[in-house]
């Protein structure tokens, strides 16, 4: 089992350095939920289907993430508080390449 260290700034501005497992096929949204870094019902509302943008985050580190899917692009086009570095957490799968990833949860819309 290999975990990666990820820094996540929650919506209150508190940064959490967490260990995210790479062997459980989790995505960033699921990690945020499992560590309870956002109030219940405010993140992952659609269940990780790229249909709600409740898991939008800002990627602050220089990681080579997979390209956005058409669904992710379309959802971000309709979301609030979108920045150039916005991604949907449900579309970022936890892999060993994410060691040191730094993200900030976007404000609740």
C-alpha atoms as a PDB file:
ATOM      1  CA  UNK A   1       0.000   0.000   0.000  1.00  0.00           C
ATOM      2  CA  UNK A   2       1.306   3.422  -0.937  1.00  0.00           C
ATOM      3  CA  UNK A   3      -0.166   6.701   0.229  1.00  0.00           C
ATOM      4  CA  UNK A   4       0.565  10.148  -1.184  1.00  0.00           C
ATOM      5  CA  UNK A   5       0.740  13.367   0.833  1.00  0.00           C
ATOM      6  CA  UNK A   6      -1.758  15.969  -0.360  1.00  0.00           C
ATOM      7  CA  UNK A   7      -2.414  19.449   1.028  1.00  0.00           C
ATOM      8  CA  UNK A   8      -6.044  20.514   0.950  1.00  0.00           C
ATOM      9  CA  UNK A   9      -7.194  23.970   2.022  1.00  0.00           C
ATOM     10  CA  UNK A  10     -10.800  23.734   3.200  1.00  0.00           C
ATOM     11  CA  UNK A  11     -13.495  26.383   2.738  1.00  0.00           C
ATOM     12  CA  UNK A  12     -12.599  27.922   6.104  1.00  0.00           C
ATOM     13  CA  UNK A  13      -9.013  28.552   4.927  1.00  0.00           C
ATOM     14  CA  UNK A  14      -7.478  25.767   7.037  1.00  0.00           C
ATOM     15  CA  UNK A  15      -4.826  23.670   5.285  1.00  0.00           C
ATOM     16  CA  UNK A  16      -4.815  19.930   6.001  1.00  0.00           C
ATOM     17  CA  UNK A  17      -1.905  17.680   5.047  1.00  0.00           C
ATOM     18  CA  UNK A  18      -3.432  14.270   4.538  1.00  0.00           C
ATOM     19  CA  UNK A  19      -2.379  10.815   3.410  1.00  0.00           C
ATOM     20  CA  UNK A  20      -4.422   9.667   0.426  1.00  0.00           C
ATOM     21  CA  UNK A  21      -4.371   5.978  -0.536  1.00  0.00           C
ATOM     22  CA  UNK A  22      -3.373   5.083  -4.080  1.00  0.00           C
ATOM     23  CA  UNK A  23      -4.641   1.510  -3.874  1.00  0.00           C
ATOM     24  CA  UNK A  24      -8.361   2.137  -3.325  1.00  0.00           C
ATOM     25  CA  UNK A  25      -9.327   3.712  -6.690  1.00  0.00           C
ATOM     26  CA  UNK A  26     -10.435   6.915  -4.924  1.00  0.00           C
ATOM     27  CA  UNK A  27     -10.740  10.381  -6.362  1.00  0.00           C
ATOM     28  CA  UNK A  28      -9.994  13.694  -4.667  1.00  0.00           C
ATOM     29  CA  UNK A  29     -13.665  14.358  -3.863  1.00  0.00           C
ATOM     30  CA  UNK A  30     -13.925  11.004  -2.058  1.00  0.00           C
ATOM     31  CA  UNK A  31     -10.769  11.775  -0.073  1.00  0.00           C
ATOM     32  CA  UNK A  32     -12.206  15.144   1.007  1.00  0.00           C
ATOM     33  CA  UNK A  33     -15.409  13.397   2.112  1.00  0.00           C
ATOM     34  CA  UNK A  34     -13.583  10.613   3.947  1.00  0.00           C
ATOM     35  CA  UNK A  35     -11.488  13.134   5.916  1.00  0.00           C
ATOM     36  CA  UNK A  36     -14.629  15.247   6.539  1.00  0.00           C
ATOM     37  CA  UNK A  37     -12.978  18.402   5.165  1.00  0.00           C
ATOM     38  CA  UNK A  38     -16.350  19.784   4.007  1.00  0.00           C
ATOM     39  CA  UNK A  39     -19.729  19.649   5.747  1.00  0.00           C
ATOM     40  CA  UNK A  40     -21.899  16.644   4.849  1.00  0.00           C
ATOM     41  CA  UNK A  41     -24.030  17.324   1.782  1.00  0.00           C
ATOM     42  CA  UNK A  42     -21.860  20.162   0.447  1.00  0.00           C
ATOM     43  CA  UNK A  43     -19.419  18.158  -1.664  1.00  0.00           C
ATOM     44  CA  UNK A  44     -19.925  15.288  -4.071  1.00  0.00           C
ATOM     45  CA  UNK A  45     -23.651  15.943  -4.327  1.00  0.00           C
ATOM     46  CA  UNK A  46     -23.930  14.122  -7.687  1.00  0.00           C
ATOM     47  CA  UNK A  47     -21.875  11.173  -6.462  1.00  0.00           C
ATOM     48  CA  UNK A  48     -18.830  11.925  -8.591  1.00  0.00           C
ATOM     49  CA  UNK A  49     -20.472  12.020 -12.017  1.00  0.00           C
ATOM     50  CA  UNK A  50     -19.163  15.515 -13.014  1.00  0.00           C
ATOM     51  CA  UNK A  51     -22.726  16.828 -12.897  1.00  0.00           C
ATOM     52  CA  UNK A  52     -22.802  19.342 -10.030  1.00  0.00           C
ATOM     53  CA  UNK A  53     -19.433  21.104  -9.460  1.00  0.00           C
ATOM     54  CA  UNK A  54     -19.833  20.855  -5.662  1.00  0.00           C
ATOM     55  CA  UNK A  55     -16.314  19.357  -5.554  1.00  0.00           C
ATOM     56  CA  UNK A  56     -14.696  22.143  -7.572  1.00  0.00           C
ATOM     57  CA  UNK A  57     -11.193  22.911  -6.368  1.00  0.00           C
ATOM     58  CA  UNK A  58      -8.272  25.102  -7.364  1.00  0.00           C
ATOM     59  CA  UNK A  59      -5.037  23.264  -8.126  1.00  0.00           C
ATOM     60  CA  UNK A  60      -2.135  25.322  -6.717  1.00  0.00           C
ATOM     61  CA  UNK A  61       0.743  22.918  -7.374  1.00  0.00           C
ATOM     62  CA  UNK A  62       2.365  22.229 -10.721  1.00  0.00           C
ATOM     63  CA  UNK A  63       1.186  18.662 -11.299  1.00  0.00           C
ATOM     64  CA  UNK A  64       0.569  17.140 -14.702  1.00  0.00           C
ATOM     65  CA  UNK A  65      -3.094  16.169 -14.283  1.00  0.00           C
ATOM     66  CA  UNK A  66      -5.134  14.284 -16.877  1.00  0.00           C
ATOM     67  CA  UNK A  67      -6.887  16.530 -19.385  1.00  0.00           C
ATOM     68  CA  UNK A  68     -10.417  17.632 -18.580  1.00  0.00           C
ATOM     69  CA  UNK A  69     -13.126  15.474 -20.093  1.00  0.00           C
ATOM     70  CA  UNK A  70     -15.902  17.090 -22.114  1.00  0.00           C
ATOM     71  CA  UNK A  71     -18.260  16.534 -19.159  1.00  0.00           C
ATOM     72  CA  UNK A  72     -15.882  18.273 -16.741  1.00  0.00           C
ATOM     73  CA  UNK A  73     -15.395  21.188 -19.151  1.00  0.00           C
ATOM     74  CA  UNK A  74     -19.146  21.567 -19.582  1.00  0.00           C
ATOM     75  CA  UNK A  75     -19.797  21.500 -15.833  1.00  0.00           C
ATOM     76  CA  UNK A  76     -17.084  24.059 -15.080  1.00  0.00           C
ATOM     77  CA  UNK A  77     -18.535  26.311 -17.815  1.00  0.00           C
ATOM     78  CA  UNK A  78     -21.731  26.514 -15.737  1.00  0.00           C
ATOM     79  CA  UNK A  79     -20.183  26.647 -12.246  1.00  0.00           C
ATOM     80  CA  UNK A  80     -19.597  29.656  -9.998  1.00  0.00           C
ATOM     81  CA  UNK A  81     -16.162  30.896  -8.847  1.00  0.00           C
ATOM     82  CA  UNK A  82     -14.336  29.173 -11.730  1.00  0.00           C
ATOM     83  CA  UNK A  83     -10.658  30.072 -12.141  1.00  0.00           C
ATOM     84  CA  UNK A  84      -8.033  29.013 -14.707  1.00  0.00           C
ATOM     85  CA  UNK A  85      -6.827  26.319 -12.284  1.00  0.00           C
ATOM     86  CA  UNK A  86     -10.306  24.950 -11.470  1.00  0.00           C
ATOM     87  CA  UNK A  87     -10.895  21.214 -11.621  1.00  0.00           C
ATOM     88  CA  UNK A  88     -13.598  18.892 -10.342  1.00  0.00           C
ATOM     89  CA  UNK A  89     -12.219  16.788  -7.504  1.00  0.00           C
ATOM     90  CA  UNK A  90     -14.276  13.796  -8.624  1.00  0.00           C
ATOM     91  CA  UNK A  91     -12.287  13.735 -11.871  1.00  0.00           C
ATOM     92  CA  UNK A  92      -8.853  13.642 -10.198  1.00  0.00           C
ATOM     93  CA  UNK A  93      -8.042  10.036  -9.347  1.00  0.00           C
ATOM     94  CA  UNK A  94      -5.499   9.436  -6.593  1.00  0.00           C
ATOM     95  CA  UNK A  95      -2.277   8.038  -8.064  1.00  0.00           C
ATOM     96  CA  UNK A  96       1.350   8.058  -6.974  1.00  0.00           C
ATOM     97  CA  UNK A  97       1.963  10.948  -9.422  1.00  0.00           C
ATOM     98  CA  UNK A  98      -0.094  13.202  -7.126  1.00  0.00           C
ATOM     99  CA  UNK A  99       2.512  13.192  -4.332  1.00  0.00           C
ATOM    100  CA  UNK A 100       2.667  16.767  -3.008  1.00  0.00           C
ATOM    101  CA  UNK A 101      -0.532  17.937  -4.731  1.00  0.00           C
ATOM    102  CA  UNK A 102      -1.872  21.194  -3.298  1.00  0.00           C
ATOM    103  CA  UNK A 103      -5.510  22.153  -3.779  1.00  0.00           C
ATOM    104  CA  UNK A 104      -8.045  24.535  -2.312  1.00  0.00           C
ATOM    105  CA  UNK A 105     -11.766  23.820  -2.172  1.00  0.00           C
ATOM    106  CA  UNK A 106     -13.761  26.383  -4.132  1.00  0.00           C
ATOM    107  CA  UNK A 107     -16.443  28.326  -2.226  1.00  0.00           C
ATOM    108  CA  UNK A 108     -19.783  26.591  -1.903  1.00  0.00           C
ATOM    109  CA  UNK A 109     -22.060  27.830  -4.672  1.00  0.00           C
END
